[in-house]
């Protein structure tokens, strides 16, 4: 994978559609151009259900092989 290119992955399991989008090594924002981060976006749609939408910024290099694990880690809630 080349840095700076958005990768989109979509698959369907029965009536549920899962969409992932990720990009590595992009500036955090306009004010922090030197701080490079990796971004993951996740959407889940199903008939008659609310669309789930989540996104994360991470320092972990995201690949197709670790995308699901990265998403699941981002959705994990920890107790303090």
PDB file of N, CA and C in Angstrom:
ATOM      1  N   UNK A   1       0.826  -1.172   0.000  1.00  0.00           N
ATOM      2  CA  UNK A   1       0.000   0.000   0.000  1.00  0.00           C
ATOM      3  C   UNK A   1       0.878   1.245   0.000  1.00  0.00           C
ATOM      4  N   UNK A   2       0.484   2.231  -0.741  1.00  0.00           N
ATOM      5  CA  UNK A   2       1.211   3.494  -0.771  1.00  0.00           C
ATOM      6  C   UNK A   2       0.607   4.451   0.247  1.00  0.00           C
ATOM      7  N   UNK A   3       1.469   5.134   1.001  1.00  0.00           N
ATOM      8  CA  UNK A   3       0.976   6.114   1.958  1.00  0.00           C
ATOM      9  C   UNK A   3       0.271   7.251   1.237  1.00  0.00           C
ATOM     10  N   UNK A   4      -0.737   7.810   1.889  1.00  0.00           N
ATOM     11  CA  UNK A   4      -1.450   8.941   1.329  1.00  0.00           C
ATOM     12  C   UNK A   4      -2.591   8.583   0.394  1.00  0.00           C
ATOM     13  N   UNK A   5      -2.882   7.304   0.219  1.00  0.00           N
ATOM     14  CA  UNK A   5      -3.988   6.883  -0.633  1.00  0.00           C
ATOM     15  C   UNK A   5      -5.082   6.249   0.219  1.00  0.00           C
ATOM     16  N   UNK A   6      -6.308   6.666  -0.005  1.00  0.00           N
ATOM     17  CA  UNK A   6      -7.432   6.097   0.730  1.00  0.00           C
ATOM     18  C   UNK A   6      -7.785   4.737   0.149  1.00  0.00           C
ATOM     19  N   UNK A   7      -7.938   3.764   1.030  1.00  0.00           N
ATOM     20  CA  UNK A   7      -8.338   2.416   0.647  1.00  0.00           C
ATOM     21  C   UNK A   7      -9.766   2.218   1.135  1.00  0.00           C
ATOM     22  N   UNK A   8     -10.634   1.708   0.266  1.00  0.00           N
ATOM     23  CA  UNK A   8     -12.020   1.448   0.627  1.00  0.00           C
ATOM     24  C   UNK A   8     -12.309  -0.037   0.451  1.00  0.00           C
ATOM     25  N   UNK A   9     -12.969  -0.600   1.464  1.00  0.00           N
ATOM     26  CA  UNK A   9     -13.319  -2.015   1.435  1.00  0.00           C
ATOM     27  C   UNK A   9     -14.791  -2.126   1.828  1.00  0.00           C
ATOM     28  N   UNK A  10     -15.527  -2.931   1.093  1.00  0.00           N
ATOM     29  CA  UNK A  10     -16.948  -3.128   1.396  1.00  0.00           C
ATOM     30  C   UNK A  10     -17.275  -4.602   1.230  1.00  0.00           C
ATOM     31  N   UNK A  11     -18.060  -5.133   2.163  1.00  0.00           N
ATOM     32  CA  UNK A  11     -18.557  -6.480   1.994  1.00  0.00           C
ATOM     33  C   UNK A  11     -19.934  -6.596   2.630  1.00  0.00           C
ATOM     34  N   UNK A  12     -20.648  -7.627   2.227  1.00  0.00           N
ATOM     35  CA  UNK A  12     -22.010  -7.823   2.683  1.00  0.00           C
ATOM     36  C   UNK A  12     -22.133  -9.212   3.293  1.00  0.00           C
ATOM     37  N   UNK A  13     -22.836  -9.290   4.420  1.00  0.00           N
ATOM     38  CA  UNK A  13     -23.125 -10.558   5.076  1.00  0.00           C
ATOM     39  C   UNK A  13     -24.620 -10.567   5.357  1.00  0.00           C
ATOM     40  N   UNK A  14     -25.338 -11.359   4.618  1.00  0.00           N
ATOM     41  CA  UNK A  14     -26.798 -11.364   4.636  1.00  0.00           C
ATOM     42  C   UNK A  14     -27.292  -9.978   4.256  1.00  0.00           C
ATOM     43  N   UNK A  15     -28.030  -9.306   5.123  1.00  0.00           N
ATOM     44  CA  UNK A  15     -28.564  -7.982   4.795  1.00  0.00           C
ATOM     45  C   UNK A  15     -27.708  -6.837   5.338  1.00  0.00           C
ATOM     46  N   UNK A  16     -26.600  -7.145   5.980  1.00  0.00           N
ATOM     47  CA  UNK A  16     -25.761  -6.105   6.583  1.00  0.00           C
ATOM     48  C   UNK A  16     -24.604  -5.767   5.641  1.00  0.00           C
ATOM     49  N   UNK A  17     -24.403  -4.472   5.415  1.00  0.00           N
ATOM     50  CA  UNK A  17     -23.302  -4.006   4.575  1.00  0.00           C
ATOM     51  C   UNK A  17     -22.265  -3.350   5.483  1.00  0.00           C
ATOM     52  N   UNK A  18     -21.024  -3.771   5.352  1.00  0.00           N
ATOM     53  CA  UNK A  18     -19.901  -3.245   6.138  1.00  0.00           C
ATOM     54  C   UNK A  18     -18.986  -2.466   5.202  1.00  0.00           C
ATOM     55  N   UNK A  19     -18.687  -1.234   5.565  1.00  0.00           N
ATOM     56  CA  UNK A  19     -17.801  -0.410   4.746  1.00  0.00           C
ATOM     57  C   UNK A  19     -16.671   0.122   5.619  1.00  0.00           C
ATOM     58  N   UNK A  20     -15.470  -0.019   5.118  1.00  0.00           N
ATOM     59  CA  UNK A  20     -14.275   0.497   5.781  1.00  0.00           C
ATOM     60  C   UNK A  20     -13.574   1.457   4.829  1.00  0.00           C
ATOM     61  N   UNK A  21     -12.977   2.464   5.389  1.00  0.00           N
ATOM     62  CA  UNK A  21     -12.128   3.378   4.623  1.00  0.00           C
ATOM     63  C   UNK A  21     -10.968   3.749   5.531  1.00  0.00           C
ATOM     64  N   UNK A  22      -9.756   3.703   4.974  1.00  0.00           N
ATOM     65  CA  UNK A  22      -8.607   4.087   5.790  1.00  0.00           C
ATOM     66  C   UNK A  22      -7.532   4.725   4.933  1.00  0.00           C
ATOM     67  N   UNK A  23      -6.704   5.512   5.612  1.00  0.00           N
ATOM     68  CA  UNK A  23      -5.584   6.188   4.970  1.00  0.00           C
ATOM     69  C   UNK A  23      -4.481   6.335   6.012  1.00  0.00           C
ATOM     70  N   UNK A  24      -3.241   6.211   5.583  1.00  0.00           N
ATOM     71  CA  UNK A  24      -2.088   6.314   6.479  1.00  0.00           C
ATOM     72  C   UNK A  24      -1.252   7.549   6.170  1.00  0.00           C
ATOM     73  N   UNK A  25      -0.618   8.042   7.209  1.00  0.00           N
ATOM     74  CA  UNK A  25       0.361   9.120   7.101  1.00  0.00           C
ATOM     75  C   UNK A  25      -0.198  10.385   6.460  1.00  0.00           C
ATOM     76  N   UNK A  26      -1.269  10.907   7.078  1.00  0.00           N
ATOM     77  CA  UNK A  26      -1.863  12.176   6.654  1.00  0.00           C
ATOM     78  C   UNK A  26      -1.787  13.165   7.813  1.00  0.00           C
ATOM     79  N   UNK A  27      -1.714  14.469   7.542  1.00  0.00           N
ATOM     80  CA  UNK A  27      -1.657  15.460   8.624  1.00  0.00           C
ATOM     81  C   UNK A  27      -2.908  15.400   9.498  1.00  0.00           C
ATOM     82  N   UNK A  28      -2.715  15.585  10.798  1.00  0.00           N
ATOM     83  CA  UNK A  28      -3.832  15.565  11.735  1.00  0.00           C
ATOM     84  C   UNK A  28      -4.871  16.619  11.364  1.00  0.00           C
ATOM     85  N   UNK A  29      -4.426  17.835  11.083  1.00  0.00           N
ATOM     86  CA  UNK A  29      -5.323  18.910  10.653  1.00  0.00           C
ATOM     87  C   UNK A  29      -4.474  20.032  10.057  1.00  0.00           C
ATOM     88  N   UNK A  30      -5.116  21.100   9.635  1.00  0.00           N
ATOM     89  CA  UNK A  30      -4.407  22.195   8.983  1.00  0.00           C
ATOM     90  C   UNK A  30      -3.404  22.879   9.911  1.00  0.00           C
ATOM     91  N   UNK A  31      -3.691  22.878  11.202  1.00  0.00           N
ATOM     92  CA  UNK A  31      -2.793  23.523  12.168  1.00  0.00           C
ATOM     93  C   UNK A  31      -1.627  22.642  12.586  1.00  0.00           C
ATOM     94  N   UNK A  32      -1.718  21.351  12.292  1.00  0.00           N
ATOM     95  CA  UNK A  32      -0.679  20.394  12.698  1.00  0.00           C
ATOM     96  C   UNK A  32      -0.220  19.567  11.505  1.00  0.00           C
ATOM     97  N   UNK A  33       0.293  20.230  10.484  1.00  0.00           N
ATOM     98  CA  UNK A  33       0.711  19.566   9.250  1.00  0.00           C
ATOM     99  C   UNK A  33       1.870  18.595   9.459  1.00  0.00           C
ATOM    100  N   UNK A  34       2.665  18.818  10.494  1.00  0.00           N
ATOM    101  CA  UNK A  34       3.824  17.963  10.742  1.00  0.00           C
ATOM    102  C   UNK A  34       3.482  16.712  11.550  1.00  0.00           C
ATOM    103  N   UNK A  35       2.292  16.655  12.134  1.00  0.00           N
ATOM    104  CA  UNK A  35       1.868  15.499  12.915  1.00  0.00           C
ATOM    105  C   UNK A  35       1.078  14.564  12.009  1.00  0.00           C
ATOM    106  N   UNK A  36       1.713  13.466  11.589  1.00  0.00           N
ATOM    107  CA  UNK A  36       1.079  12.521  10.673  1.00  0.00           C
ATOM    108  C   UNK A  36       0.385  11.412  11.445  1.00  0.00           C
ATOM    109  N   UNK A  37      -0.834  11.086  11.031  1.00  0.00           N
ATOM    110  CA  UNK A  37      -1.644  10.076  11.702  1.00  0.00           C
ATOM    111  C   UNK A  37      -2.233   9.129  10.663  1.00  0.00           C
ATOM    112  N   UNK A  38      -2.850   8.076  11.160  1.00  0.00           N
ATOM    113  CA  UNK A  38      -3.551   7.115  10.328  1.00  0.00           C
ATOM    114  C   UNK A  38      -5.026   7.183  10.710  1.00  0.00           C
ATOM    115  N   UNK A  39      -5.912   7.126   9.721  1.00  0.00           N
ATOM    116  CA  UNK A  39      -7.341   7.337   9.928  1.00  0.00           C
ATOM    117  C   UNK A  39      -8.125   6.124   9.469  1.00  0.00           C
ATOM    118  N   UNK A  40      -9.124   5.719  10.270  1.00  0.00           N
ATOM    119  CA  UNK A  40     -10.004   4.596   9.941  1.00  0.00           C
ATOM    120  C   UNK A  40     -11.451   5.065  10.086  1.00  0.00           C
ATOM    121  N   UNK A  41     -12.277   4.719   9.111  1.00  0.00           N
ATOM    122  CA  UNK A  41     -13.708   5.010   9.172  1.00  0.00           C
ATOM    123  C   UNK A  41     -14.467   3.710   8.936  1.00  0.00           C
ATOM    124  N   UNK A  42     -15.569   3.532   9.674  1.00  0.00           N
ATOM    125  CA  UNK A  42     -16.362   2.302   9.590  1.00  0.00           C
ATOM    126  C   UNK A  42     -17.840   2.660   9.529  1.00  0.00           C
ATOM    127  N   UNK A  43     -18.553   2.070   8.597  1.00  0.00           N
ATOM    128  CA  UNK A  43     -20.003   2.228   8.496  1.00  0.00           C
ATOM    129  C   UNK A  43     -20.635   0.853   8.404  1.00  0.00           C
ATOM    130  N   UNK A  44     -21.761   0.704   9.080  1.00  0.00           N
ATOM    131  CA  UNK A  44     -22.502  -0.550   9.038  1.00  0.00           C
ATOM    132  C   UNK A  44     -23.961  -0.213   8.795  1.00  0.00           C
ATOM    133  N   UNK A  45     -24.539  -0.772   7.755  1.00  0.00           N
ATOM    134  CA  UNK A  45     -25.932  -0.500   7.431  1.00  0.00           C
ATOM    135  C   UNK A  45     -26.705  -1.808   7.324  1.00  0.00           C
ATOM    136  N   UNK A  46     -27.945  -1.756   7.796  1.00  0.00           N
ATOM    137  CA  UNK A  46     -28.843  -2.904   7.727  1.00  0.00           C
ATOM    138  C   UNK A  46     -30.262  -2.377   7.549  1.00  0.00           C
ATOM    139  N   UNK A  47     -31.097  -3.142   6.853  1.00  0.00           N
ATOM    140  CA  UNK A  47     -32.475  -2.689   6.665  1.00  0.00           C
ATOM    141  C   UNK A  47     -33.170  -2.451   8.006  1.00  0.00           C
ATOM    142  N   UNK A  48     -33.904  -1.369   8.083  1.00  0.00           N
ATOM    143  CA  UNK A  48     -34.718  -1.024   9.251  1.00  0.00           C
ATOM    144  C   UNK A  48     -33.905  -0.804  10.523  1.00  0.00           C
ATOM    145  N   UNK A  49     -32.601  -0.537  10.389  1.00  0.00           N
ATOM    146  CA  UNK A  49     -31.756  -0.253  11.550  1.00  0.00           C
ATOM    147  C   UNK A  49     -31.004   1.042  11.328  1.00  0.00           C
ATOM    148  N   UNK A  50     -30.632   1.663  12.413  1.00  0.00           N
ATOM    149  CA  UNK A  50     -29.845   2.887  12.350  1.00  0.00           C
ATOM    150  C   UNK A  50     -28.455   2.581  11.791  1.00  0.00           C
ATOM    151  N   UNK A  51     -27.939   3.467  10.956  1.00  0.00           N
ATOM    152  CA  UNK A  51     -26.589   3.311  10.402  1.00  0.00           C
ATOM    153  C   UNK A  51     -25.576   3.547  11.516  1.00  0.00           C
ATOM    154  N   UNK A  52     -24.644   2.633  11.666  1.00  0.00           N
ATOM    155  CA  UNK A  52     -23.550   2.813  12.626  1.00  0.00           C
ATOM    156  C   UNK A  52     -22.389   3.468  11.898  1.00  0.00           C
ATOM    157  N   UNK A  53     -21.816   4.503  12.489  1.00  0.00           N
ATOM    158  CA  UNK A  53     -20.701   5.215  11.880  1.00  0.00           C
ATOM    159  C   UNK A  53     -19.688   5.553  12.961  1.00  0.00           C
ATOM    160  N   UNK A  54     -18.461   5.123  12.759  1.00  0.00           N
ATOM    161  CA  UNK A  54     -17.378   5.382  13.700  1.00  0.00           C
ATOM    162  C   UNK A  54     -16.137   5.791  12.912  1.00  0.00           C
ATOM    163  N   UNK A  55     -15.272   6.568  13.541  1.00  0.00           N
ATOM    164  CA  UNK A  55     -13.981   6.890  12.937  1.00  0.00           C
ATOM    165  C   UNK A  55     -12.949   7.052  14.037  1.00  0.00           C
ATOM    166  N   UNK A  56     -11.696   6.758  13.687  1.00  0.00           N
ATOM    167  CA  UNK A  56     -10.600   6.800  14.641  1.00  0.00           C
ATOM    168  C   UNK A  56      -9.343   7.361  14.006  1.00  0.00           C
ATOM    169  N   UNK A  57      -8.532   7.956  14.828  1.00  0.00           N
ATOM    170  CA  UNK A  57      -7.187   8.371  14.454  1.00  0.00           C
ATOM    171  C   UNK A  57      -6.244   7.524  15.298  1.00  0.00           C
ATOM    172  N   UNK A  58      -5.198   7.000  14.682  1.00  0.00           N
ATOM    173  CA  UNK A  58      -4.281   6.116  15.396  1.00  0.00           C
ATOM    174  C   UNK A  58      -2.851   6.308  14.908  1.00  0.00           C
ATOM    175  N   UNK A  59      -1.907   5.840  15.711  1.00  0.00           N
ATOM    176  CA  UNK A  59      -0.515   5.820  15.275  1.00  0.00           C
ATOM    177  C   UNK A  59      -0.133   4.437  14.742  1.00  0.00           C
ATOM    178  N   UNK A  60      -1.075   3.504  14.752  1.00  0.00           N
ATOM    179  CA  UNK A  60      -0.854   2.157  14.225  1.00  0.00           C
ATOM    180  C   UNK A  60      -0.995   2.196  12.706  1.00  0.00           C
ATOM    181  N   UNK A  61      -0.012   1.667  11.988  1.00  0.00           N
ATOM    182  CA  UNK A  61      -0.088   1.577  10.525  1.00  0.00           C
ATOM    183  C   UNK A  61      -1.234   0.640  10.171  1.00  0.00           C
ATOM    184  N   UNK A  62      -2.232   1.109   9.435  1.00  0.00           N
ATOM    185  CA  UNK A  62      -3.412   0.322   9.103  1.00  0.00           C
ATOM    186  C   UNK A  62      -3.214  -0.357   7.755  1.00  0.00           C
ATOM    187  N   UNK A  63      -3.521  -1.649   7.722  1.00  0.00           N
ATOM    188  CA  UNK A  63      -3.446  -2.443   6.494  1.00  0.00           C
ATOM    189  C   UNK A  63      -4.746  -3.228   6.353  1.00  0.00           C
ATOM    190  N   UNK A  64      -4.958  -3.801   5.193  1.00  0.00           N
ATOM    191  CA  UNK A  64      -6.147  -4.634   5.021  1.00  0.00           C
ATOM    192  C   UNK A  64      -6.143  -5.807   5.991  1.00  0.00           C
ATOM    193  N   UNK A  65      -4.969  -6.316   6.319  1.00  0.00           N
ATOM    194  CA  UNK A  65      -4.893  -7.486   7.204  1.00  0.00           C
ATOM    195  C   UNK A  65      -5.134  -7.145   8.674  1.00  0.00           C
ATOM    196  N   UNK A  66      -4.887  -5.899   9.110  1.00  0.00           N
ATOM    197  CA  UNK A  66      -5.149  -5.567  10.511  1.00  0.00           C
ATOM    198  C   UNK A  66      -6.322  -4.606  10.689  1.00  0.00           C
ATOM    199  N   UNK A  67      -7.041  -4.325   9.606  1.00  0.00           N
ATOM    200  CA  UNK A  67      -8.135  -3.359   9.639  1.00  0.00           C
ATOM    201  C   UNK A  67      -9.237  -3.751  10.619  1.00  0.00           C
ATOM    202  N   UNK A  68      -9.711  -4.970  10.560  1.00  0.00           N
ATOM    203  CA  UNK A  68     -10.785  -5.417  11.442  1.00  0.00           C
ATOM    204  C   UNK A  68     -10.346  -5.378  12.904  1.00  0.00           C
ATOM    205  N   UNK A  69      -9.141  -5.826  13.170  1.00  0.00           N
ATOM    206  CA  UNK A  69      -8.617  -5.816  14.541  1.00  0.00           C
ATOM    207  C   UNK A  69      -8.457  -4.376  15.049  1.00  0.00           C
ATOM    208  N   UNK A  70      -8.005  -3.476  14.202  1.00  0.00           N
ATOM    209  CA  UNK A  70      -7.860  -2.065  14.577  1.00  0.00           C
ATOM    210  C   UNK A  70      -9.226  -1.465  14.883  1.00  0.00           C
ATOM    211  N   UNK A  71     -10.224  -1.770  14.059  1.00  0.00           N
ATOM    212  CA  UNK A  71     -11.583  -1.270  14.288  1.00  0.00           C
ATOM    213  C   UNK A  71     -12.141  -1.803  15.585  1.00  0.00           C
ATOM    214  N   UNK A  72     -11.979  -3.073  15.833  1.00  0.00           N
ATOM    215  CA  UNK A  72     -12.503  -3.665  17.072  1.00  0.00           C
ATOM    216  C   UNK A  72     -11.816  -3.072  18.302  1.00  0.00           C
ATOM    217  N   UNK A  73     -10.532  -2.826  18.197  1.00  0.00           N
ATOM    218  CA  UNK A  73      -9.809  -2.187  19.304  1.00  0.00           C
ATOM    219  C   UNK A  73     -10.308  -0.775  19.559  1.00  0.00           C
ATOM    220  N   UNK A  74     -10.637  -0.056  18.494  1.00  0.00           N
ATOM    221  CA  UNK A  74     -11.162   1.292  18.626  1.00  0.00           C
ATOM    222  C   UNK A  74     -12.540   1.324  19.251  1.00  0.00           C
ATOM    223  N   UNK A  75     -13.312   0.279  19.089  1.00  0.00           N
ATOM    224  CA  UNK A  75     -14.660   0.225  19.644  1.00  0.00           C
ATOM    225  C   UNK A  75     -14.678  -0.330  21.063  1.00  0.00           C
ATOM    226  N   UNK A  76     -13.552  -0.864  21.528  1.00  0.00           N
ATOM    227  CA  UNK A  76     -13.484  -1.434  22.868  1.00  0.00           C
ATOM    228  C   UNK A  76     -13.564  -0.338  23.909  1.00  0.00           C
ATOM    229  N   UNK A  77     -14.321  -0.593  24.927  1.00  0.00           N
ATOM    230  CA  UNK A  77     -14.426   0.351  26.031  1.00  0.00           C
ATOM    231  C   UNK A  77     -13.648  -0.223  27.206  1.00  0.00           C
ATOM    232  N   UNK A  78     -12.768   0.570  27.753  1.00  0.00           N
ATOM    233  CA  UNK A  78     -11.983   0.092  28.883  1.00  0.00           C
ATOM    234  C   UNK A  78     -12.473   0.757  30.165  1.00  0.00           C
ATOM    235  N   UNK A  79     -12.302   0.045  31.248  1.00  0.00           N
ATOM    236  CA  UNK A  79     -12.654   0.597  32.560  1.00  0.00           C
ATOM    237  C   UNK A  79     -11.418   1.179  33.177  1.00  0.00           C
ATOM    238  N   UNK A  80     -11.542   2.355  33.757  1.00  0.00           N
ATOM    239  CA  UNK A  80     -10.401   3.015  34.410  1.00  0.00           C
ATOM    240  C   UNK A  80     -10.326   2.663  35.865  1.00  0.00           C
TER     241      UNK A  80
END
